[in-house]
Amino acid sequence: MKADLLVDAKGLACPLPIVRTKKGMDTLQSGQVLEIHVTDKGAKNDLSAWAKSAGHEMIDMVEEGDVLKFWIRKA
């Protein structure tokens, strides 16, 4: 999947993946896609809830080994 920006939050614990995601999302235009890589398993629920509360669209989530990859479209 093509993303407009990649945020690498691997090795970071909550709440840093959300903080990095928000900072990345702030740089994008509406409709652009942010890809986030995390290793904190809690981010699975955290990022989904954050995207929903902010009005963004969670496009996909894939688990590859220890890394969770998310794609979120900016509202």
Protein backbone atom coordinates (compact mmCIF):
# COMPACT_ATOMS: atom_id res chain seq x y z
CA MET A 1 0.00 0.00 0.00
CA LYS A 2 1.33 3.43 -0.92
CA ALA A 3 1.73 5.86 1.96
CA ASP A 4 2.51 9.56 1.81
CA LEU A 5 4.52 9.43 5.06
CA LEU A 6 6.12 6.67 7.15
CA VAL A 7 6.39 6.99 10.93
CA ASP A 8 8.80 4.54 12.56
CA ALA A 9 7.75 4.12 16.20
CA LYS A 10 9.38 0.72 16.69
CA GLY A 11 10.80 0.23 20.18
CA LEU A 12 8.67 3.02 21.66
CA ALA A 13 6.17 2.41 24.46
CA CYS A 14 2.81 4.07 24.96
CA PRO A 15 2.05 6.93 24.60
CA LEU A 16 4.95 7.72 22.22
CA PRO A 17 3.57 5.84 19.17
CA ILE A 18 0.39 7.93 19.40
CA VAL A 19 2.39 11.16 19.86
CA ARG A 20 4.54 10.36 16.80
CA THR A 21 1.44 9.39 14.80
CA LYS A 22 -0.30 12.67 15.63
CA LYS A 23 2.79 14.70 14.72
CA GLY A 24 3.06 12.86 11.40
CA MET A 25 -0.64 13.26 10.69
CA ASP A 26 -0.39 17.01 11.34
CA THR A 27 1.99 17.31 8.36
CA LEU A 28 -0.40 15.61 5.90
CA GLN A 29 -3.25 16.99 3.81
CA SER A 30 -6.77 15.57 3.99
CA GLY A 31 -6.97 12.25 2.09
CA GLN A 32 -3.26 11.45 2.40
CA VAL A 33 -2.14 8.19 4.01
CA LEU A 34 0.16 7.72 7.00
CA GLU A 35 1.96 4.40 7.54
CA ILE A 36 3.05 3.63 11.10
CA HIS A 37 5.37 0.82 12.27
CA VAL A 38 5.21 -0.09 15.98
CA THR A 39 6.36 -2.92 18.24
CA ASP A 40 4.20 -1.99 21.26
CA LYS A 41 1.29 -4.48 21.13
CA GLY A 42 -0.90 -2.02 23.04
CA ALA A 43 -0.73 0.28 20.04
CA LYS A 44 -3.15 -2.03 18.20
CA ASN A 45 -6.08 -0.78 20.30
CA ASP A 46 -4.61 2.66 20.98
CA LEU A 47 -4.09 3.63 17.33
CA SER A 48 -7.50 2.30 16.27
CA ALA A 49 -9.23 4.28 19.03
CA TRP A 50 -7.18 7.41 18.32
CA ALA A 51 -7.91 7.29 14.57
CA LYS A 52 -11.63 6.87 15.22
CA SER A 53 -11.78 9.67 17.81
CA ALA A 54 -9.87 12.03 15.48
CA GLY A 55 -12.15 11.20 12.54
CA HIS A 56 -9.43 9.50 10.47
CA GLU A 57 -9.91 6.22 8.57
CA MET A 58 -7.97 3.14 9.68
CA ILE A 59 -7.36 1.54 6.28
CA ASP A 60 -5.43 -1.56 7.28
CA MET A 61 -3.34 -3.21 9.99
CA VAL A 62 -0.84 -6.00 9.36
CA GLU A 63 1.31 -7.90 11.84
CA GLU A 64 4.71 -8.93 10.46
CA GLY A 65 6.67 -10.74 13.14
CA ASP A 66 7.09 -8.32 16.05
CA VAL A 67 6.10 -5.29 13.98
CA LEU A 68 2.56 -3.96 13.64
CA LYS A 69 2.00 -1.86 10.52
CA PHE A 70 -0.93 0.55 10.26
CA TRP A 71 -2.24 2.67 7.41
CA ILE A 72 -4.44 5.62 8.36
CA ARG A 73 -6.07 8.07 5.92
CA LYS A 74 -6.30 11.64 7.18
CA ALA A 75 -9.81 13.05 7.46
